[in-house]
């Protein structure tokens, strides 16, 4: 005796396939936006550390050579330079920089400076770096010349 069973083919409908594709697209968008935010944060953190290092170098140079040293930041092209160094260092143009320095340390061509003196003191100031929703501040104490990173 032969029995015949009807086998019904099972598969996905077109609507089910479209729903899955839409969900995958939404998840991919979320992942890509999170990666972009992570890159911004890393770029900003790197620039902050570089500038902090340059400020510490300038203070150390003033102390060890017993002569005034300046850290100058050019807001036009997002670059900085330390006295007695020929090289100009650039940071990403995507980073918005704000300088809060003594009025006497600002020149007409959008260059601001923080000067360090042989006794370790400085003119003081703040360098604020912003990129997207991320923000970092470097505070230079006028009395001690110490540079500290403040992450908001």
C-alpha atoms as a PDB file:
ATOM      1  CA  UNK A   1       0.000   0.000   0.000  1.00  0.00           C
ATOM      2  CA  UNK A   2       1.277   3.330  -0.983  1.00  0.00           C
ATOM      3  CA  UNK A   3       0.413   6.398   0.912  1.00  0.00           C
ATOM      4  CA  UNK A   4       0.757   9.707  -0.689  1.00  0.00           C
ATOM      5  CA  UNK A   5       1.433  12.731   1.424  1.00  0.00           C
ATOM      6  CA  UNK A   6       1.147  16.138   0.081  1.00  0.00           C
ATOM      7  CA  UNK A   7       4.279  18.097   0.858  1.00  0.00           C
ATOM      8  CA  UNK A   8       3.683  21.803   1.035  1.00  0.00           C
ATOM      9  CA  UNK A   9       6.695  23.907   0.092  1.00  0.00           C
ATOM     10  CA  UNK A  10       7.674  26.251   2.891  1.00  0.00           C
ATOM     11  CA  UNK A  11       9.545  29.488   2.260  1.00  0.00           C
ATOM     12  CA  UNK A  12       9.577  33.188   2.977  1.00  0.00           C
ATOM     13  CA  UNK A  13       7.090  35.592   1.529  1.00  0.00           C
ATOM     14  CA  UNK A  14       8.172  38.760  -0.199  1.00  0.00           C
ATOM     15  CA  UNK A  15       6.874  40.864   2.694  1.00  0.00           C
ATOM     16  CA  UNK A  16       8.912  38.897   5.228  1.00  0.00           C
ATOM     17  CA  UNK A  17      12.046  39.389   3.120  1.00  0.00           C
ATOM     18  CA  UNK A  18      11.438  43.153   2.852  1.00  0.00           C
ATOM     19  CA  UNK A  19      10.934  43.448   6.631  1.00  0.00           C
ATOM     20  CA  UNK A  20      14.237  41.647   7.276  1.00  0.00           C
ATOM     21  CA  UNK A  21      16.098  43.866   4.769  1.00  0.00           C
ATOM     22  CA  UNK A  22      14.685  47.033   6.366  1.00  0.00           C
ATOM     23  CA  UNK A  23      15.714  45.845   9.858  1.00  0.00           C
ATOM     24  CA  UNK A  24      19.243  45.052   8.669  1.00  0.00           C
ATOM     25  CA  UNK A  25      19.498  48.509   7.038  1.00  0.00           C
ATOM     26  CA  UNK A  26      18.393  50.230  10.274  1.00  0.00           C
ATOM     27  CA  UNK A  27      20.908  48.264  12.339  1.00  0.00           C
ATOM     28  CA  UNK A  28      23.704  49.080   9.865  1.00  0.00           C
ATOM     29  CA  UNK A  29      22.866  52.789  10.092  1.00  0.00           C
ATOM     30  CA  UNK A  30      23.074  52.708  13.894  1.00  0.00           C
ATOM     31  CA  UNK A  31      26.412  50.877  13.837  1.00  0.00           C
ATOM     32  CA  UNK A  32      27.959  53.242  11.269  1.00  0.00           C
ATOM     33  CA  UNK A  33      26.861  56.350  13.206  1.00  0.00           C
ATOM     34  CA  UNK A  34      28.381  54.950  16.415  1.00  0.00           C
ATOM     35  CA  UNK A  35      31.661  54.241  14.646  1.00  0.00           C
ATOM     36  CA  UNK A  36      31.714  57.833  13.341  1.00  0.00           C
ATOM     37  CA  UNK A  37      31.168  59.226  16.840  1.00  0.00           C
ATOM     38  CA  UNK A  38      33.993  57.055  18.133  1.00  0.00           C
ATOM     39  CA  UNK A  39      36.317  58.388  15.448  1.00  0.00           C
ATOM     40  CA  UNK A  40      35.442  61.977  16.388  1.00  0.00           C
ATOM     41  CA  UNK A  41      36.172  61.276  20.019  1.00  0.00           C
ATOM     42  CA  UNK A  42      39.503  59.619  19.201  1.00  0.00           C
ATOM     43  CA  UNK A  43      40.539  62.474  16.876  1.00  0.00           C
ATOM     44  CA  UNK A  44      39.685  65.060  19.517  1.00  0.00           C
ATOM     45  CA  UNK A  45      41.456  63.124  22.285  1.00  0.00           C
ATOM     46  CA  UNK A  46      44.587  62.808  20.116  1.00  0.00           C
ATOM     47  CA  UNK A  47      44.652  66.534  19.275  1.00  0.00           C
ATOM     48  CA  UNK A  48      44.163  67.409  22.951  1.00  0.00           C
ATOM     49  CA  UNK A  49      47.091  65.229  23.980  1.00  0.00           C
ATOM     50  CA  UNK A  50      49.331  66.706  21.266  1.00  0.00           C
ATOM     51  CA  UNK A  51      48.581  70.277  22.334  1.00  0.00           C
ATOM     52  CA  UNK A  52      48.988  69.364  26.010  1.00  0.00           C
ATOM     53  CA  UNK A  53      52.391  67.872  25.203  1.00  0.00           C
ATOM     54  CA  UNK A  54      53.420  71.036  23.341  1.00  0.00           C
ATOM     55  CA  UNK A  55      52.352  73.200  26.300  1.00  0.00           C
ATOM     56  CA  UNK A  56      54.347  71.027  28.716  1.00  0.00           C
ATOM     57  CA  UNK A  57      57.350  71.166  26.383  1.00  0.00           C
ATOM     58  CA  UNK A  58      57.154  74.973  26.262  1.00  0.00           C
ATOM     59  CA  UNK A  59      57.043  75.193  30.069  1.00  0.00           C
ATOM     60  CA  UNK A  60      59.916  72.733  30.432  1.00  0.00           C
ATOM     61  CA  UNK A  61      61.963  74.628  27.864  1.00  0.00           C
ATOM     62  CA  UNK A  62      61.448  77.902  29.732  1.00  0.00           C
ATOM     63  CA  UNK A  63      62.506  76.272  33.005  1.00  0.00           C
ATOM     64  CA  UNK A  64      65.562  74.412  31.726  1.00  0.00           C
ATOM     65  CA  UNK A  65      66.917  77.171  29.466  1.00  0.00           C
ATOM     66  CA  UNK A  66      65.991  80.037  31.814  1.00  0.00           C
ATOM     67  CA  UNK A  67      64.332  81.997  29.055  1.00  0.00           C
ATOM     68  CA  UNK A  68      60.804  82.876  28.044  1.00  0.00           C
ATOM     69  CA  UNK A  69      59.090  80.425  25.684  1.00  0.00           C
ATOM     70  CA  UNK A  70      55.806  80.871  23.837  1.00  0.00           C
ATOM     71  CA  UNK A  71      53.146  78.483  22.611  1.00  0.00           C
ATOM     72  CA  UNK A  72      51.362  80.168  19.690  1.00  0.00           C
ATOM     73  CA  UNK A  73      48.110  78.942  18.163  1.00  0.00           C
ATOM     74  CA  UNK A  74      46.947  80.158  14.749  1.00  0.00           C
ATOM     75  CA  UNK A  75      43.143  79.995  14.584  1.00  0.00           C
ATOM     76  CA  UNK A  76      43.048  80.540  10.807  1.00  0.00           C
ATOM     77  CA  UNK A  77      44.672  77.251   9.914  1.00  0.00           C
ATOM     78  CA  UNK A  78      44.356  75.258  13.168  1.00  0.00           C
ATOM     79  CA  UNK A  79      48.103  75.114  13.719  1.00  0.00           C
ATOM     80  CA  UNK A  80      50.447  75.782  16.603  1.00  0.00           C
ATOM     81  CA  UNK A  81      54.109  76.427  17.133  1.00  0.00           C
ATOM     82  CA  UNK A  82      56.482  76.566  20.079  1.00  0.00           C
ATOM     83  CA  UNK A  83      59.300  79.118  20.289  1.00  0.00           C
ATOM     84  CA  UNK A  84      62.674  77.701  19.207  1.00  0.00           C
ATOM     85  CA  UNK A  85      61.015  74.999  17.100  1.00  0.00           C
ATOM     86  CA  UNK A  86      60.854  75.570  13.364  1.00  0.00           C
ATOM     87  CA  UNK A  87      58.068  73.068  12.819  1.00  0.00           C
ATOM     88  CA  UNK A  88      54.423  74.126  12.688  1.00  0.00           C
ATOM     89  CA  UNK A  89      52.003  71.463  13.923  1.00  0.00           C
ATOM     90  CA  UNK A  90      48.513  71.180  12.437  1.00  0.00           C
ATOM     91  CA  UNK A  91      45.401  69.635  13.876  1.00  0.00           C
ATOM     92  CA  UNK A  92      42.292  68.524  11.997  1.00  0.00           C
ATOM     93  CA  UNK A  93      40.312  71.318  10.358  1.00  0.00           C
ATOM     94  CA  UNK A  94      37.152  69.613  11.665  1.00  0.00           C
ATOM     95  CA  UNK A  95      38.109  70.638  15.201  1.00  0.00           C
ATOM     96  CA  UNK A  96      36.848  74.025  16.326  1.00  0.00           C
ATOM     97  CA  UNK A  97      39.377  75.771  18.561  1.00  0.00           C
ATOM     98  CA  UNK A  98      38.672  78.571  21.033  1.00  0.00           C
ATOM     99  CA  UNK A  99      41.455  80.388  22.871  1.00  0.00           C
ATOM    100  CA  UNK A 100      41.031  82.262  26.118  1.00  0.00           C
ATOM    101  CA  UNK A 101      44.326  84.049  26.657  1.00  0.00           C
ATOM    102  CA  UNK A 102      45.492  87.403  28.010  1.00  0.00           C
ATOM    103  CA  UNK A 103      44.552  90.273  25.700  1.00  0.00           C
ATOM    104  CA  UNK A 104      48.218  91.205  25.384  1.00  0.00           C
ATOM    105  CA  UNK A 105      48.884  87.753  23.863  1.00  0.00           C
ATOM    106  CA  UNK A 106      46.438  88.117  20.948  1.00  0.00           C
ATOM    107  CA  UNK A 107      47.662  89.440  17.607  1.00  0.00           C
ATOM    108  CA  UNK A 108      45.598  90.856  14.765  1.00  0.00           C
ATOM    109  CA  UNK A 109      46.103  87.848  12.508  1.00  0.00           C
ATOM    110  CA  UNK A 110      44.115  85.454  14.732  1.00  0.00           C
ATOM    111  CA  UNK A 111      47.117  84.148  16.620  1.00  0.00           C
ATOM    112  CA  UNK A 112      46.965  83.748  20.378  1.00  0.00           C
ATOM    113  CA  UNK A 113      49.865  82.836  22.646  1.00  0.00           C
ATOM    114  CA  UNK A 114      50.560  81.488  26.090  1.00  0.00           C
ATOM    115  CA  UNK A 115      53.973  82.571  27.351  1.00  0.00           C
ATOM    116  CA  UNK A 116      55.973  80.578  29.873  1.00  0.00           C
ATOM    117  CA  UNK A 117      58.562  82.283  32.070  1.00  0.00           C
ATOM    118  CA  UNK A 118      61.864  80.954  33.470  1.00  0.00           C
ATOM    119  CA  UNK A 119      60.343  80.554  36.955  1.00  0.00           C
ATOM    120  CA  UNK A 120      57.667  78.160  35.593  1.00  0.00           C
ATOM    121  CA  UNK A 121      54.790  80.635  35.677  1.00  0.00           C
ATOM    122  CA  UNK A 122      52.881  81.666  32.574  1.00  0.00           C
ATOM    123  CA  UNK A 123      50.398  84.136  31.180  1.00  0.00           C
ATOM    124  CA  UNK A 124      47.820  81.351  31.618  1.00  0.00           C
ATOM    125  CA  UNK A 125      44.882  80.551  29.445  1.00  0.00           C
ATOM    126  CA  UNK A 126      42.493  77.949  28.126  1.00  0.00           C
ATOM    127  CA  UNK A 127      42.403  76.064  24.843  1.00  0.00           C
ATOM    128  CA  UNK A 128      38.984  74.568  24.058  1.00  0.00           C
ATOM    129  CA  UNK A 129      38.641  71.932  21.354  1.00  0.00           C
ATOM    130  CA  UNK A 130      35.231  70.903  20.012  1.00  0.00           C
ATOM    131  CA  UNK A 131      34.242  68.359  17.418  1.00  0.00           C
ATOM    132  CA  UNK A 132      30.611  67.427  17.010  1.00  0.00           C
ATOM    133  CA  UNK A 133      29.174  66.761  20.462  1.00  0.00           C
ATOM    134  CA  UNK A 134      32.603  66.197  21.997  1.00  0.00           C
ATOM    135  CA  UNK A 135      34.549  68.875  23.849  1.00  0.00           C
ATOM    136  CA  UNK A 136      37.918  69.002  25.626  1.00  0.00           C
ATOM    137  CA  UNK A 137      39.607  71.853  27.473  1.00  0.00           C
ATOM    138  CA  UNK A 138      43.228  72.481  28.315  1.00  0.00           C
ATOM    139  CA  UNK A 139      43.714  74.852  31.227  1.00  0.00           C
ATOM    140  CA  UNK A 140      47.101  76.475  31.824  1.00  0.00           C
ATOM    141  CA  UNK A 141      47.525  77.806  35.368  1.00  0.00           C
ATOM    142  CA  UNK A 142      49.119  81.250  35.311  1.00  0.00           C
ATOM    143  CA  UNK A 143      50.912  80.766  38.634  1.00  0.00           C
ATOM    144  CA  UNK A 144      52.425  77.312  38.104  1.00  0.00           C
ATOM    145  CA  UNK A 145      52.283  77.055  34.302  1.00  0.00           C
ATOM    146  CA  UNK A 146      50.865  73.534  34.646  1.00  0.00           C
ATOM    147  CA  UNK A 147      48.618  72.335  31.791  1.00  0.00           C
ATOM    148  CA  UNK A 148      45.655  70.144  32.705  1.00  0.00           C
ATOM    149  CA  UNK A 149      43.147  68.405  30.454  1.00  0.00           C
ATOM    150  CA  UNK A 150      39.514  68.854  31.469  1.00  0.00           C
ATOM    151  CA  UNK A 151      37.193  66.405  29.689  1.00  0.00           C
ATOM    152  CA  UNK A 152      33.575  67.532  29.676  1.00  0.00           C
END
